[in-house]
Amino acid sequence: MSLYDDAVLVLKGYEGQEELRQTYLDHLASHPDGMWKACHAGHITASALVIDAEHGRVLLTLHKKLRMWLQMGGHCEPGDITLEAAALREAEEESGVEGLTLLPGGPVRLDRHPIPAPCHWHYDVQYAVVAPPGAVQAISDESLDLRWFAYDEVADVADGSVVRLLEATRARLSN
C-alpha cells in the first residue's frame, strides 16, 4: 500500500471534522501528488503533539522560519509508509526524544492552514505521542528552542491550532 492509499484510508476512517475531512479527501482525489511538498496546490503534512509521561506537559518547538511555538511535524517523505510513521518520524527528529509512543485511535485532529508561495496549503494530519519517563529533548536544525510547557501555559505561547490540538489530545487521554 502506498502512502497516498494509507492517507485516504486514514481520512475515510477519521471521525469528526466532517467538512474538513472531505476537503482533504477531495484534495487528494484531485491531486495524485497531494502527499508531497512539490504539489503547489497544497499537500498533506503529518504532525504530533509530544506529551510527557505524566500527561501534564507538552513539548513545543520554536519553529526557526515561522518563529512560533508549534507541535513537531512536517512534510511526508518517500520512505514514510504511513501517516502515523511520518508523524512519529517528524516528532522524533524535531524533539530528539527516542521511544515516543503514538496515542492509539489514529489522528487527533485535522488542521488546514495557508502557507507562503509557491505552495498554498498544508493539510495537516495531527497525532499525539507520549514520551517515555525521563525523556531528554535535543534541539534540531529546524528549531530555535524546544521547551516543555504545562497544559495551562500553552494558550499563552502558542496559537489556536496548537491549543485545539492539546484540547483534543487531553480529551483522547481521558477516554
N, C-alpha and C. Protein backbone atom coordinates (compact mmCIF):
# COMPACT_ATOMS: atom_id res chain seq x y z
N MET A 1 0.84 -1.18 0.00
CA MET A 1 0.00 0.00 0.00
C MET A 1 0.89 1.25 0.00
N SER A 2 0.52 2.22 -0.78
CA SER A 2 1.29 3.46 -0.86
C SER A 2 0.90 4.40 0.28
N LEU A 3 1.73 5.40 0.49
CA LEU A 3 1.43 6.42 1.49
C LEU A 3 0.13 7.15 1.12
N TYR A 4 -0.05 7.41 -0.16
CA TYR A 4 -1.29 8.03 -0.64
C TYR A 4 -2.50 7.19 -0.24
N ASP A 5 -2.43 5.88 -0.51
CA ASP A 5 -3.54 4.97 -0.16
C ASP A 5 -3.78 4.96 1.34
N ASP A 6 -2.70 4.95 2.12
CA ASP A 6 -2.84 4.99 3.58
C ASP A 6 -3.54 6.27 4.01
N ALA A 7 -3.15 7.40 3.43
CA ALA A 7 -3.76 8.68 3.79
C ALA A 7 -5.26 8.67 3.50
N VAL A 8 -5.65 8.15 2.36
CA VAL A 8 -7.06 8.08 2.02
C VAL A 8 -7.81 7.21 3.03
N LEU A 9 -7.25 6.06 3.36
CA LEU A 9 -7.89 5.17 4.34
C LEU A 9 -7.99 5.83 5.71
N VAL A 10 -6.92 6.47 6.15
CA VAL A 10 -6.91 7.14 7.44
C VAL A 10 -7.99 8.22 7.47
N LEU A 11 -8.06 9.01 6.42
CA LEU A 11 -9.03 10.11 6.38
C LEU A 11 -10.46 9.58 6.29
N LYS A 12 -10.67 8.53 5.53
CA LYS A 12 -12.02 7.95 5.45
C LYS A 12 -12.46 7.40 6.80
N GLY A 13 -11.52 6.92 7.59
CA GLY A 13 -11.84 6.36 8.90
C GLY A 13 -11.87 7.37 10.03
N TYR A 14 -11.41 8.58 9.76
CA TYR A 14 -11.35 9.62 10.79
C TYR A 14 -12.76 10.10 11.11
N GLU A 15 -13.10 10.12 12.38
CA GLU A 15 -14.42 10.58 12.81
C GLU A 15 -14.30 11.98 13.39
N GLY A 16 -15.09 12.88 12.87
CA GLY A 16 -15.06 14.26 13.32
C GLY A 16 -14.61 15.18 12.20
N GLN A 17 -14.86 16.46 12.38
CA GLN A 17 -14.46 17.49 11.42
C GLN A 17 -14.86 17.07 10.00
N GLU A 18 -16.09 16.68 9.82
CA GLU A 18 -16.57 16.07 8.57
C GLU A 18 -16.30 16.92 7.34
N GLU A 19 -16.60 18.21 7.40
CA GLU A 19 -16.41 19.07 6.23
C GLU A 19 -14.92 19.18 5.88
N LEU A 20 -14.09 19.38 6.88
CA LEU A 20 -12.66 19.49 6.65
C LEU A 20 -12.10 18.15 6.16
N ARG A 21 -12.54 17.06 6.75
CA ARG A 21 -12.09 15.73 6.32
C ARG A 21 -12.41 15.54 4.83
N GLN A 22 -13.61 15.95 4.41
CA GLN A 22 -13.98 15.81 3.00
C GLN A 22 -13.12 16.71 2.12
N THR A 23 -12.74 17.88 2.62
CA THR A 23 -11.84 18.78 1.87
C THR A 23 -10.51 18.08 1.62
N TYR A 24 -9.99 17.38 2.62
CA TYR A 24 -8.74 16.64 2.46
C TYR A 24 -8.91 15.55 1.40
N LEU A 25 -9.98 14.79 1.50
CA LEU A 25 -10.22 13.70 0.54
C LEU A 25 -10.40 14.24 -0.87
N ASP A 26 -11.12 15.35 -1.02
CA ASP A 26 -11.30 15.97 -2.33
C ASP A 26 -9.96 16.44 -2.90
N HIS A 27 -9.14 17.01 -2.04
CA HIS A 27 -7.82 17.47 -2.48
C HIS A 27 -7.00 16.29 -3.02
N LEU A 28 -6.97 15.19 -2.27
CA LEU A 28 -6.20 14.03 -2.72
C LEU A 28 -6.78 13.44 -4.01
N ALA A 29 -8.10 13.42 -4.13
CA ALA A 29 -8.73 12.90 -5.35
C ALA A 29 -8.36 13.75 -6.57
N SER A 30 -8.21 15.05 -6.37
CA SER A 30 -7.86 15.96 -7.47
C SER A 30 -6.36 16.06 -7.72
N HIS A 31 -5.57 15.64 -6.73
CA HIS A 31 -4.11 15.81 -6.83
C HIS A 31 -3.41 14.52 -6.41
N PRO A 32 -3.15 13.63 -7.37
CA PRO A 32 -2.46 12.39 -7.03
C PRO A 32 -1.08 12.61 -6.37
N ASP A 33 -0.52 13.81 -6.56
CA ASP A 33 0.76 14.16 -5.93
C ASP A 33 0.56 14.95 -4.64
N GLY A 34 -0.67 14.94 -4.11
CA GLY A 34 -1.02 15.76 -2.96
C GLY A 34 -0.38 15.36 -1.65
N MET A 35 0.41 14.30 -1.65
CA MET A 35 1.15 13.91 -0.44
C MET A 35 2.48 14.65 -0.33
N TRP A 36 2.92 15.26 -1.41
CA TRP A 36 4.31 15.73 -1.50
C TRP A 36 4.42 17.24 -1.56
N LYS A 37 5.50 17.74 -1.01
CA LYS A 37 5.78 19.17 -0.97
C LYS A 37 5.75 19.80 -2.37
N ALA A 38 6.07 19.04 -3.38
CA ALA A 38 6.10 19.55 -4.76
C ALA A 38 4.71 19.89 -5.29
N CYS A 39 3.66 19.45 -4.65
CA CYS A 39 2.29 19.77 -5.08
C CYS A 39 1.97 21.19 -4.64
N HIS A 40 2.00 22.12 -5.58
CA HIS A 40 1.84 23.54 -5.25
C HIS A 40 0.41 23.93 -4.91
N ALA A 41 -0.55 23.07 -5.17
CA ALA A 41 -1.93 23.34 -4.77
C ALA A 41 -2.11 23.10 -3.27
N GLY A 42 -1.11 22.48 -2.65
CA GLY A 42 -1.16 22.13 -1.24
C GLY A 42 -0.82 20.67 -1.07
N HIS A 43 -0.44 20.30 0.14
CA HIS A 43 -0.03 18.92 0.36
C HIS A 43 -0.28 18.50 1.80
N ILE A 44 -0.39 17.19 1.97
CA ILE A 44 -0.59 16.60 3.28
C ILE A 44 0.69 16.73 4.08
N THR A 45 0.57 17.10 5.34
CA THR A 45 1.67 17.07 6.28
C THR A 45 1.25 16.22 7.48
N ALA A 46 2.21 15.80 8.27
CA ALA A 46 1.92 14.98 9.45
C ALA A 46 2.63 15.60 10.64
N SER A 47 1.89 15.75 11.74
CA SER A 47 2.50 16.33 12.93
C SER A 47 2.07 15.54 14.16
N ALA A 48 2.77 15.80 15.26
CA ALA A 48 2.45 15.11 16.51
C ALA A 48 2.74 16.03 17.69
N LEU A 49 1.80 16.08 18.60
CA LEU A 49 1.98 16.79 19.86
C LEU A 49 2.64 15.82 20.84
N VAL A 50 3.78 16.21 21.39
CA VAL A 50 4.52 15.36 22.32
C VAL A 50 4.04 15.66 23.74
N ILE A 51 3.54 14.62 24.41
CA ILE A 51 3.04 14.71 25.78
C ILE A 51 4.04 14.01 26.70
N ASP A 52 4.28 14.56 27.87
CA ASP A 52 5.20 13.89 28.80
C ASP A 52 4.54 12.64 29.40
N ALA A 53 5.35 11.79 29.98
CA ALA A 53 4.87 10.51 30.51
C ALA A 53 3.81 10.67 31.59
N GLU A 54 3.84 11.78 32.32
CA GLU A 54 2.87 12.02 33.39
C GLU A 54 1.59 12.69 32.88
N HIS A 55 1.55 13.02 31.60
CA HIS A 55 0.38 13.64 30.96
C HIS A 55 0.05 15.01 31.56
N GLY A 56 1.08 15.81 31.83
CA GLY A 56 0.84 17.14 32.38
C GLY A 56 1.52 18.26 31.61
N ARG A 57 2.39 17.88 30.65
CA ARG A 57 3.11 18.90 29.88
C ARG A 57 3.20 18.48 28.42
N VAL A 58 3.46 19.48 27.57
CA VAL A 58 3.70 19.22 26.15
C VAL A 58 5.04 19.82 25.77
N LEU A 59 5.70 19.19 24.82
CA LEU A 59 6.96 19.69 24.30
C LEU A 59 6.68 20.42 23.00
N LEU A 60 7.00 21.71 22.97
CA LEU A 60 6.79 22.51 21.77
C LEU A 60 8.13 22.99 21.22
N THR A 61 8.13 23.22 19.92
CA THR A 61 9.33 23.72 19.26
C THR A 61 9.10 25.15 18.80
N LEU A 62 10.09 26.00 18.99
CA LEU A 62 10.04 27.35 18.46
C LEU A 62 10.58 27.25 17.03
N HIS A 63 9.66 27.23 16.08
CA HIS A 63 9.99 26.98 14.68
C HIS A 63 10.90 28.07 14.14
N LYS A 64 11.98 27.65 13.49
CA LYS A 64 13.00 28.59 13.04
C LYS A 64 12.46 29.59 12.02
N LYS A 65 11.70 29.13 11.03
CA LYS A 65 11.19 30.02 9.99
C LYS A 65 9.98 30.82 10.45
N LEU A 66 9.06 30.17 11.12
CA LEU A 66 7.81 30.82 11.49
C LEU A 66 7.91 31.61 12.80
N ARG A 67 8.90 31.27 13.62
CA ARG A 67 9.09 31.92 14.92
C ARG A 67 7.83 31.83 15.78
N MET A 68 7.26 30.63 15.78
CA MET A 68 6.06 30.33 16.57
C MET A 68 6.29 29.03 17.32
N TRP A 69 5.69 28.91 18.50
CA TRP A 69 5.72 27.67 19.25
C TRP A 69 4.69 26.72 18.63
N LEU A 70 5.15 25.57 18.17
CA LEU A 70 4.31 24.60 17.48
C LEU A 70 4.59 23.18 17.94
N GLN A 71 3.68 22.27 17.58
CA GLN A 71 3.94 20.85 17.76
C GLN A 71 4.98 20.43 16.71
N MET A 72 5.55 19.26 16.87
CA MET A 72 6.51 18.74 15.91
C MET A 72 5.76 18.30 14.66
N GLY A 73 6.37 18.47 13.50
CA GLY A 73 5.71 17.99 12.30
C GLY A 73 6.31 18.54 11.04
N GLY A 74 5.83 17.99 9.92
CA GLY A 74 6.34 18.46 8.65
C GLY A 74 5.90 17.61 7.48
N HIS A 75 6.70 17.67 6.44
CA HIS A 75 6.36 17.04 5.17
C HIS A 75 6.57 15.53 5.19
N CYS A 76 5.74 14.87 4.43
CA CYS A 76 5.91 13.43 4.22
C CYS A 76 7.13 13.21 3.32
N GLU A 77 7.78 12.09 3.53
CA GLU A 77 8.97 11.75 2.75
C GLU A 77 8.76 10.40 2.07
N PRO A 78 9.46 10.16 0.96
CA PRO A 78 9.27 8.91 0.22
C PRO A 78 9.42 7.64 1.06
N GLY A 79 10.21 7.66 2.11
CA GLY A 79 10.40 6.48 2.95
C GLY A 79 9.28 6.24 3.95
N ASP A 80 8.36 7.19 4.08
CA ASP A 80 7.25 7.04 5.03
C ASP A 80 6.24 6.03 4.47
N ILE A 81 5.90 5.05 5.26
CA ILE A 81 4.97 4.01 4.84
C ILE A 81 3.53 4.40 5.16
N THR A 82 3.35 5.10 6.29
CA THR A 82 2.02 5.52 6.74
C THR A 82 2.09 6.96 7.25
N LEU A 83 0.91 7.58 7.39
CA LEU A 83 0.88 8.91 8.00
C LEU A 83 1.35 8.85 9.45
N GLU A 84 0.97 7.79 10.17
CA GLU A 84 1.44 7.63 11.55
C GLU A 84 2.96 7.59 11.60
N ALA A 85 3.56 6.84 10.67
CA ALA A 85 5.02 6.74 10.63
C ALA A 85 5.65 8.10 10.34
N ALA A 86 5.03 8.87 9.44
CA ALA A 86 5.55 10.20 9.13
C ALA A 86 5.48 11.12 10.35
N ALA A 87 4.35 11.09 11.06
CA ALA A 87 4.20 11.92 12.25
C ALA A 87 5.19 11.52 13.33
N LEU A 88 5.37 10.23 13.52
CA LEU A 88 6.31 9.75 14.53
C LEU A 88 7.74 10.12 14.15
N ARG A 89 8.10 9.95 12.89
CA ARG A 89 9.44 10.32 12.42
C ARG A 89 9.69 11.81 12.67
N GLU A 90 8.73 12.64 12.28
CA GLU A 90 8.89 14.09 12.47
C GLU A 90 9.04 14.42 13.96
N ALA A 91 8.23 13.80 14.80
CA ALA A 91 8.29 14.07 16.25
C ALA A 91 9.65 13.68 16.82
N GLU A 92 10.16 12.53 16.40
CA GLU A 92 11.46 12.09 16.91
C GLU A 92 12.59 12.97 16.39
N GLU A 93 12.55 13.32 15.09
CA GLU A 93 13.60 14.16 14.52
C GLU A 93 13.62 15.55 15.16
N GLU A 94 12.47 16.15 15.34
CA GLU A 94 12.43 17.52 15.82
C GLU A 94 12.55 17.65 17.33
N SER A 95 12.20 16.59 18.06
CA SER A 95 12.30 16.65 19.53
C SER A 95 13.60 16.06 20.05
N GLY A 96 14.18 15.15 19.28
CA GLY A 96 15.36 14.44 19.76
C GLY A 96 15.02 13.36 20.77
N VAL A 97 13.73 13.17 21.08
CA VAL A 97 13.30 12.19 22.07
C VAL A 97 13.15 10.83 21.41
N GLU A 98 13.79 9.84 21.98
CA GLU A 98 13.67 8.47 21.48
C GLU A 98 12.59 7.74 22.27
N GLY A 99 11.96 6.77 21.63
CA GLY A 99 10.98 5.93 22.31
C GLY A 99 9.60 6.54 22.44
N LEU A 100 9.26 7.48 21.56
CA LEU A 100 7.91 8.05 21.58
C LEU A 100 6.89 6.99 21.19
N THR A 101 5.70 7.07 21.79
CA THR A 101 4.62 6.12 21.51
C THR A 101 3.40 6.87 21.03
N LEU A 102 2.89 6.47 19.88
CA LEU A 102 1.67 7.10 19.35
C LEU A 102 0.49 6.81 20.25
N LEU A 103 -0.33 7.83 20.49
CA LEU A 103 -1.59 7.63 21.18
C LEU A 103 -2.49 6.80 20.27
N PRO A 104 -3.13 5.77 20.77
CA PRO A 104 -3.99 4.95 19.91
C PRO A 104 -5.21 5.72 19.42
N GLY A 105 -5.78 5.23 18.33
CA GLY A 105 -7.02 5.82 17.83
C GLY A 105 -6.85 6.68 16.60
N GLY A 106 -5.66 6.71 16.02
CA GLY A 106 -5.46 7.48 14.80
C GLY A 106 -5.28 8.96 15.05
N PRO A 107 -5.51 9.78 14.02
CA PRO A 107 -5.31 11.22 14.16
C PRO A 107 -6.19 11.80 15.27
N VAL A 108 -5.66 12.83 15.92
CA VAL A 108 -6.40 13.53 16.96
C VAL A 108 -7.22 14.67 16.34
N ARG A 109 -6.64 15.33 15.33
CA ARG A 109 -7.31 16.46 14.66
C ARG A 109 -6.78 16.60 13.25
N LEU A 110 -7.49 17.44 12.50
CA LEU A 110 -7.03 17.91 11.19
C LEU A 110 -6.93 19.43 11.29
N ASP A 111 -5.92 19.99 10.62
CA ASP A 111 -5.78 21.45 10.62
C ASP A 111 -5.25 21.89 9.26
N ARG A 112 -6.08 22.59 8.51
CA ARG A 112 -5.68 23.11 7.19
C ARG A 112 -5.32 24.57 7.37
N HIS A 113 -4.10 24.93 6.94
CA HIS A 113 -3.67 26.31 7.10
C HIS A 113 -2.88 26.78 5.88
N PRO A 114 -3.02 28.07 5.55
CA PRO A 114 -2.29 28.60 4.39
C PRO A 114 -0.80 28.69 4.68
N ILE A 115 -0.02 28.55 3.62
CA ILE A 115 1.43 28.69 3.71
C ILE A 115 1.90 29.59 2.57
N PRO A 116 3.07 30.16 2.70
CA PRO A 116 3.57 31.06 1.64
C PRO A 116 3.80 30.33 0.31
N ALA A 117 3.75 31.10 -0.78
CA ALA A 117 4.02 30.57 -2.12
C ALA A 117 5.43 29.96 -2.14
N PRO A 118 5.65 28.96 -2.99
CA PRO A 118 4.83 28.60 -4.13
C PRO A 118 3.66 27.67 -3.78
N CYS A 119 3.67 27.09 -2.62
CA CYS A 119 2.54 26.24 -2.23
C CYS A 119 1.44 27.11 -1.64
N HIS A 120 0.28 26.52 -1.43
CA HIS A 120 -0.82 27.32 -0.92
C HIS A 120 -1.38 26.81 0.41
N TRP A 121 -1.37 25.49 0.62
CA TRP A 121 -1.99 24.94 1.82
C TRP A 121 -1.21 23.77 2.38
N HIS A 122 -1.21 23.69 3.70
CA HIS A 122 -0.82 22.47 4.40
C HIS A 122 -2.11 21.82 4.89
N TYR A 123 -2.27 20.56 4.57
CA TYR A 123 -3.38 19.76 5.05
C TYR A 123 -2.79 18.87 6.14
N ASP A 124 -2.73 19.39 7.35
CA ASP A 124 -2.01 18.71 8.43
C ASP A 124 -2.90 17.66 9.10
N VAL A 125 -2.36 16.45 9.19
CA VAL A 125 -2.99 15.36 9.92
C VAL A 125 -2.24 15.26 11.24
N GLN A 126 -2.94 15.54 12.34
CA GLN A 126 -2.30 15.74 13.63
C GLN A 126 -2.51 14.54 14.56
N TYR A 127 -1.42 14.04 15.08
CA TYR A 127 -1.42 12.93 16.02
C TYR A 127 -0.91 13.42 17.37
N ALA A 128 -0.90 12.53 18.35
CA ALA A 128 -0.28 12.82 19.64
C ALA A 128 0.61 11.63 20.00
N VAL A 129 1.71 11.92 20.64
CA VAL A 129 2.65 10.89 21.08
C VAL A 129 2.99 11.13 22.54
N VAL A 130 3.33 10.04 23.22
CA VAL A 130 3.72 10.13 24.63
C VAL A 130 5.21 9.82 24.73
N ALA A 131 5.91 10.69 25.44
CA ALA A 131 7.34 10.50 25.67
C ALA A 131 7.55 9.50 26.81
N PRO A 132 8.64 8.76 26.78
CA PRO A 132 8.92 7.85 27.89
C PRO A 132 9.35 8.64 29.13
N PRO A 133 9.24 8.02 30.30
CA PRO A 133 9.70 8.70 31.52
C PRO A 133 11.17 9.11 31.39
N GLY A 134 11.48 10.29 31.86
CA GLY A 134 12.86 10.78 31.83
C GLY A 134 13.34 11.20 30.45
N ALA A 135 12.43 11.43 29.53
CA ALA A 135 12.81 11.80 28.16
C ALA A 135 13.68 13.05 28.16
N VAL A 136 14.70 13.01 27.31
CA VAL A 136 15.60 14.14 27.16
C VAL A 136 15.47 14.65 25.72
N GLN A 137 15.14 15.93 25.58
CA GLN A 137 14.97 16.50 24.26
C GLN A 137 16.27 17.09 23.75
N ALA A 138 16.34 17.28 22.41
CA ALA A 138 17.52 17.89 21.77
C ALA A 138 17.02 18.76 20.62
N ILE A 139 17.46 19.99 20.58
CA ILE A 139 17.01 20.93 19.56
C ILE A 139 17.54 20.51 18.19
N SER A 140 16.64 20.52 17.21
CA SER A 140 17.02 20.17 15.83
C SER A 140 17.40 21.43 15.06
N ASP A 141 17.86 21.23 13.83
CA ASP A 141 18.22 22.36 12.96
C ASP A 141 17.01 23.21 12.59
N GLU A 142 15.80 22.66 12.74
CA GLU A 142 14.59 23.38 12.36
C GLU A 142 14.04 24.25 13.48
N SER A 143 14.68 24.21 14.63
CA SER A 143 14.16 24.90 15.82
C SER A 143 15.11 25.95 16.35
N LEU A 144 14.52 26.99 16.93
CA LEU A 144 15.29 27.96 17.69
C LEU A 144 15.35 27.56 19.16
N ASP A 145 14.32 26.84 19.61
CA ASP A 145 14.23 26.42 21.00
C ASP A 145 13.27 25.24 21.08
N LEU A 146 13.34 24.55 22.18
CA LEU A 146 12.49 23.38 22.43
C LEU A 146 12.23 23.41 23.93
N ARG A 147 10.94 23.38 24.31
CA ARG A 147 10.65 23.56 25.73
C ARG A 147 9.37 22.83 26.12
N TRP A 148 9.37 22.31 27.36
CA TRP A 148 8.17 21.71 27.93
C TRP A 148 7.30 22.81 28.51
N PHE A 149 6.00 22.73 28.25
CA PHE A 149 5.03 23.67 28.80
C PHE A 149 3.93 22.91 29.52
N ALA A 150 3.55 23.39 30.71
CA ALA A 150 2.38 22.84 31.39
C ALA A 150 1.16 23.13 30.52
N TYR A 151 0.16 22.26 30.61
CA TYR A 151 -1.04 22.43 29.79
C TYR A 151 -1.59 23.85 29.87
N ASP A 152 -1.64 24.41 31.08
CA ASP A 152 -2.26 25.72 31.24
C ASP A 152 -1.38 26.87 30.73
N GLU A 153 -0.17 26.59 30.29
CA GLU A 153 0.72 27.62 29.73
C GLU A 153 0.62 27.70 28.21
N VAL A 154 0.08 26.68 27.58
CA VAL A 154 0.12 26.59 26.11
C VAL A 154 -0.61 27.75 25.45
N ALA A 155 -1.77 28.13 25.94
CA ALA A 155 -2.53 29.22 25.33
C ALA A 155 -1.77 30.54 25.37
N ASP A 156 -0.86 30.69 26.31
CA ASP A 156 -0.09 31.93 26.42
C ASP A 156 1.06 32.02 25.42
N VAL A 157 1.49 30.87 24.88
CA VAL A 157 2.65 30.89 23.99
C VAL A 157 2.36 30.44 22.56
N ALA A 158 1.32 29.65 22.37
CA ALA A 158 1.05 29.06 21.06
C ALA A 158 -0.25 29.61 20.46
N ASP A 159 -0.42 29.38 19.18
CA ASP A 159 -1.64 29.85 18.52
C ASP A 159 -2.81 28.89 18.75
N GLY A 160 -3.97 29.26 18.23
CA GLY A 160 -5.19 28.50 18.46
C GLY A 160 -5.14 27.07 17.95
N SER A 161 -4.40 26.83 16.87
CA SER A 161 -4.34 25.46 16.34
C SER A 161 -3.67 24.51 17.33
N VAL A 162 -2.64 24.98 18.01
CA VAL A 162 -1.96 24.15 19.00
C VAL A 162 -2.85 23.95 20.22
N VAL A 163 -3.55 25.00 20.62
CA VAL A 163 -4.47 24.90 21.75
C VAL A 163 -5.57 23.87 21.45
N ARG A 164 -6.13 23.93 20.24
CA ARG A 164 -7.18 22.97 19.86
C ARG A 164 -6.63 21.54 19.81
N LEU A 165 -5.41 21.38 19.34
CA LEU A 165 -4.78 20.06 19.31
C LEU A 165 -4.58 19.54 20.73
N LEU A 166 -4.14 20.40 21.64
CA LEU A 166 -3.97 20.00 23.03
C LEU A 166 -5.31 19.61 23.64
N GLU A 167 -6.35 20.40 23.40
CA GLU A 167 -7.68 20.07 23.95
C GLU A 167 -8.17 18.72 23.45
N ALA A 168 -8.00 18.46 22.16
CA ALA A 168 -8.43 17.18 21.59
C ALA A 168 -7.60 16.02 22.14
N THR A 169 -6.31 16.27 22.34
CA THR A 169 -5.42 15.24 22.90
C THR A 169 -5.81 14.93 24.34
N ARG A 170 -6.08 15.95 25.12
CA ARG A 170 -6.49 15.73 26.51
C ARG A 170 -7.80 14.97 26.57
N ALA A 171 -8.72 15.25 25.68
CA ALA A 171 -9.98 14.51 25.64
C ALA A 171 -9.72 13.05 25.29
N ARG A 172 -8.82 12.80 24.36
CA ARG A 172 -8.47 11.41 23.99
C ARG A 172 -7.83 10.71 25.17
N LEU A 173 -6.94 11.39 25.90
CA LEU A 173 -6.27 10.79 27.05
C LEU A 173 -7.24 10.44 28.18
N SER A 174 -8.32 11.20 28.30
CA SER A 174 -9.26 10.97 29.40
C SER A 174 -10.27 9.85 29.08
N ASN A 175 -10.29 9.39 27.85
CA ASN A 175 -11.22 8.31 27.48
C ASN A 175 -10.66 6.95 27.78
